[in-house]
C-alpha atoms as a PDB file:
ATOM      1  CA  UNK A   1     120.612 117.389 102.276  1.00  0.00           C
ATOM      2  CA  UNK A   2     124.274 117.496 101.252  1.00  0.00           C
ATOM      3  CA  UNK A   3     125.489 116.854  97.696  1.00  0.00           C
ATOM      4  CA  UNK A   4     126.740 113.328  98.426  1.00  0.00           C
ATOM      5  CA  UNK A   5     123.332 112.241  99.751  1.00  0.00           C
ATOM      6  CA  UNK A   6     121.596 113.807  96.754  1.00  0.00           C
ATOM      7  CA  UNK A   7     123.982 112.004  94.420  1.00  0.00           C
ATOM      8  CA  UNK A   8     123.299 108.644  96.077  1.00  0.00           C
ATOM      9  CA  UNK A   9     119.575 109.332  95.851  1.00  0.00           C
ATOM     10  CA  UNK A  10     119.835 110.215  92.150  1.00  0.00           C
ATOM     11  CA  UNK A  11     121.835 107.058  91.432  1.00  0.00           C
ATOM     12  CA  UNK A  12     119.077 104.890  92.910  1.00  0.00           C
ATOM     13  CA  UNK A  13     116.194 106.395  90.924  1.00  0.00           C
ATOM     14  CA  UNK A  14     114.450 104.660  88.083  1.00  0.00           C
ATOM     15  CA  UNK A  15     114.479 106.474  84.768  1.00  0.00           C
ATOM     16  CA  UNK A  16     111.535 106.159  82.444  1.00  0.00           C
ATOM     17  CA  UNK A  17     110.914 107.365  78.925  1.00  0.00           C
ATOM     18  CA  UNK A  18     109.816 110.801  80.121  1.00  0.00           C
ATOM     19  CA  UNK A  19     111.010 114.352  80.426  1.00  0.00           C
ATOM     20  CA  UNK A  20     113.305 115.333  83.264  1.00  0.00           C
ATOM     21  CA  UNK A  21     114.534 118.846  83.882  1.00  0.00           C
ATOM     22  CA  UNK A  22     117.994 119.296  85.365  1.00  0.00           C
ATOM     23  CA  UNK A  23     119.105 122.591  86.827  1.00  0.00           C
ATOM     24  CA  UNK A  24     122.369 123.238  88.656  1.00  0.00           C
ATOM     25  CA  UNK A  25     122.371 126.108  91.135  1.00  0.00           C
ATOM     26  CA  UNK A  26     124.296 129.113  89.738  1.00  0.00           C
ATOM     27  CA  UNK A  27     126.780 128.997  92.612  1.00  0.00           C
ATOM     28  CA  UNK A  28     127.568 125.330  91.886  1.00  0.00           C
ATOM     29  CA  UNK A  29     128.018 125.535  88.123  1.00  0.00           C
ATOM     30  CA  UNK A  30     131.291 124.750  86.312  1.00  0.00           C
ATOM     31  CA  UNK A  31     132.123 122.039  88.855  1.00  0.00           C
ATOM     32  CA  UNK A  32     131.131 119.018  86.746  1.00  0.00           C
ATOM     33  CA  UNK A  33     127.810 118.513  88.545  1.00  0.00           C
ATOM     34  CA  UNK A  34     125.718 118.714  85.356  1.00  0.00           C
ATOM     35  CA  UNK A  35     127.964 116.181  83.658  1.00  0.00           C
ATOM     36  CA  UNK A  36     127.679 113.847  86.654  1.00  0.00           C
ATOM     37  CA  UNK A  37     123.888 114.136  86.703  1.00  0.00           C
ATOM     38  CA  UNK A  38     123.538 113.517  82.956  1.00  0.00           C
ATOM     39  CA  UNK A  39     125.971 110.572  83.187  1.00  0.00           C
ATOM     40  CA  UNK A  40     123.891 109.102  85.997  1.00  0.00           C
ATOM     41  CA  UNK A  41     120.689 109.448  83.995  1.00  0.00           C
ATOM     42  CA  UNK A  42     122.375 107.884  80.974  1.00  0.00           C
ATOM     43  CA  UNK A  43     123.562 104.938  83.070  1.00  0.00           C
ATOM     44  CA  UNK A  44     120.101 104.375  84.518  1.00  0.00           C
ATOM     45  CA  UNK A  45     118.480 104.854  81.122  1.00  0.00           C
ATOM     46  CA  UNK A  46     120.765 102.270  79.577  1.00  0.00           C
ATOM     47  CA  UNK A  47     119.679  99.767  82.233  1.00  0.00           C
ATOM     48  CA  UNK A  48     115.982 100.664  82.475  1.00  0.00           C
ATOM     49  CA  UNK A  49     114.963 101.698  78.977  1.00  0.00           C
ATOM     50  CA  UNK A  50     117.427  99.970  76.660  1.00  0.00           C
ATOM     51  CA  UNK A  51     117.298 102.570  73.927  1.00  0.00           C
ATOM     52  CA  UNK A  52     119.746 102.938  71.052  1.00  0.00           C
ATOM     53  CA  UNK A  53     120.077 106.678  71.558  1.00  0.00           C
ATOM     54  CA  UNK A  54     120.021 109.269  74.309  1.00  0.00           C
ATOM     55  CA  UNK A  55     118.318 112.598  73.621  1.00  0.00           C
ATOM     56  CA  UNK A  56     117.964 115.905  75.401  1.00  0.00           C
ATOM     57  CA  UNK A  57     116.805 119.461  74.852  1.00  0.00           C
ATOM     58  CA  UNK A  58     118.733 122.555  75.882  1.00  0.00           C
ATOM     59  CA  UNK A  59     117.722 126.218  75.640  1.00  0.00           C
ATOM     60  CA  UNK A  60     119.391 127.795  72.608  1.00  0.00           C
ATOM     61  CA  UNK A  61     120.990 130.515  74.749  1.00  0.00           C
ATOM     62  CA  UNK A  62     122.399 128.104  77.372  1.00  0.00           C
ATOM     63  CA  UNK A  63     125.883 127.948  75.877  1.00  0.00           C
ATOM     64  CA  UNK A  64     127.622 126.392  78.938  1.00  0.00           C
ATOM     65  CA  UNK A  65     125.153 123.478  79.040  1.00  0.00           C
ATOM     66  CA  UNK A  66     125.413 123.003  75.276  1.00  0.00           C
ATOM     67  CA  UNK A  67     129.228 122.873  75.576  1.00  0.00           C
ATOM     68  CA  UNK A  68     128.908 120.306  78.376  1.00  0.00           C
ATOM     69  CA  UNK A  69     126.663 118.072  76.258  1.00  0.00           C
ATOM     70  CA  UNK A  70     128.913 118.383  73.199  1.00  0.00           C
ATOM     71  CA  UNK A  71     131.823 117.366  75.417  1.00  0.00           C
ATOM     72  CA  UNK A  72     129.827 114.271  76.378  1.00  0.00           C
ATOM     73  CA  UNK A  73     129.357 113.287  72.732  1.00  0.00           C
ATOM     74  CA  UNK A  74     125.916 114.789  72.047  1.00  0.00           C
ATOM     75  CA  UNK A  75     125.294 116.380  68.650  1.00  0.00           C
ATOM     76  CA  UNK A  76     122.642 118.846  67.573  1.00  0.00           C
ATOM     77  CA  UNK A  77     119.897 117.080  65.618  1.00  0.00           C
ATOM     78  CA  UNK A  78     116.630 118.154  64.011  1.00  0.00           C
ATOM     79  CA  UNK A  79     113.706 118.192  66.410  1.00  0.00           C
ATOM     80  CA  UNK A  80     111.106 115.475  65.982  1.00  0.00           C
ATOM     81  CA  UNK A  81     108.205 116.722  63.888  1.00  0.00           C
ATOM     82  CA  UNK A  82     105.710 119.103  65.474  1.00  0.00           C
ATOM     83  CA  UNK A  83     107.673 119.739  68.670  1.00  0.00           C
ATOM     84  CA  UNK A  84     106.757 123.117  70.142  1.00  0.00           C
ATOM     85  CA  UNK A  85     110.147 123.415  71.881  1.00  0.00           C
ATOM     86  CA  UNK A  86     111.946 123.748  68.528  1.00  0.00           C
ATOM     87  CA  UNK A  87     111.593 127.540  68.624  1.00  0.00           C
ATOM     88  CA  UNK A  88     113.462 127.984  71.916  1.00  0.00           C
ATOM     89  CA  UNK A  89     115.544 124.844  72.385  1.00  0.00           C
ATOM     90  CA  UNK A  90     118.075 122.665  70.609  1.00  0.00           C
ATOM     91  CA  UNK A  91     117.566 118.915  70.331  1.00  0.00           C
ATOM     92  CA  UNK A  92     120.709 116.855  70.886  1.00  0.00           C
ATOM     93  CA  UNK A  93     121.296 113.117  70.593  1.00  0.00           C
ATOM     94  CA  UNK A  94     124.045 110.620  71.296  1.00  0.00           C
ATOM     95  CA  UNK A  95     124.238 106.900  70.468  1.00  0.00           C
ATOM     96  CA  UNK A  96     124.301 104.615  73.495  1.00  0.00           C
ATOM     97  CA  UNK A  97     127.347 102.721  72.194  1.00  0.00           C
ATOM     98  CA  UNK A  98     129.636 105.749  72.655  1.00  0.00           C
ATOM     99  CA  UNK A  99     130.194 104.650  76.255  1.00  0.00           C
END
């Protein structure tokens, strides 16, 4: 399946209040694909979930992804209490109204 078909498929999905893992193939990184995917999920989330805030987790050593999310307006925030991912990942949030 080519990238355009995948993109159309992603745009039509329904987002729920659940975890989703996004990974961009190493050979396709630094082309804005991660930003497009996160933007798509944010758009769907705004429609489907109607939350006040977006949140995501990123591995502490994934500096390119962290820079991408900061560029999209996400800020590092304390993990919710008792989250086992706090040892290996950063928790980032962004208000919905920043759009």
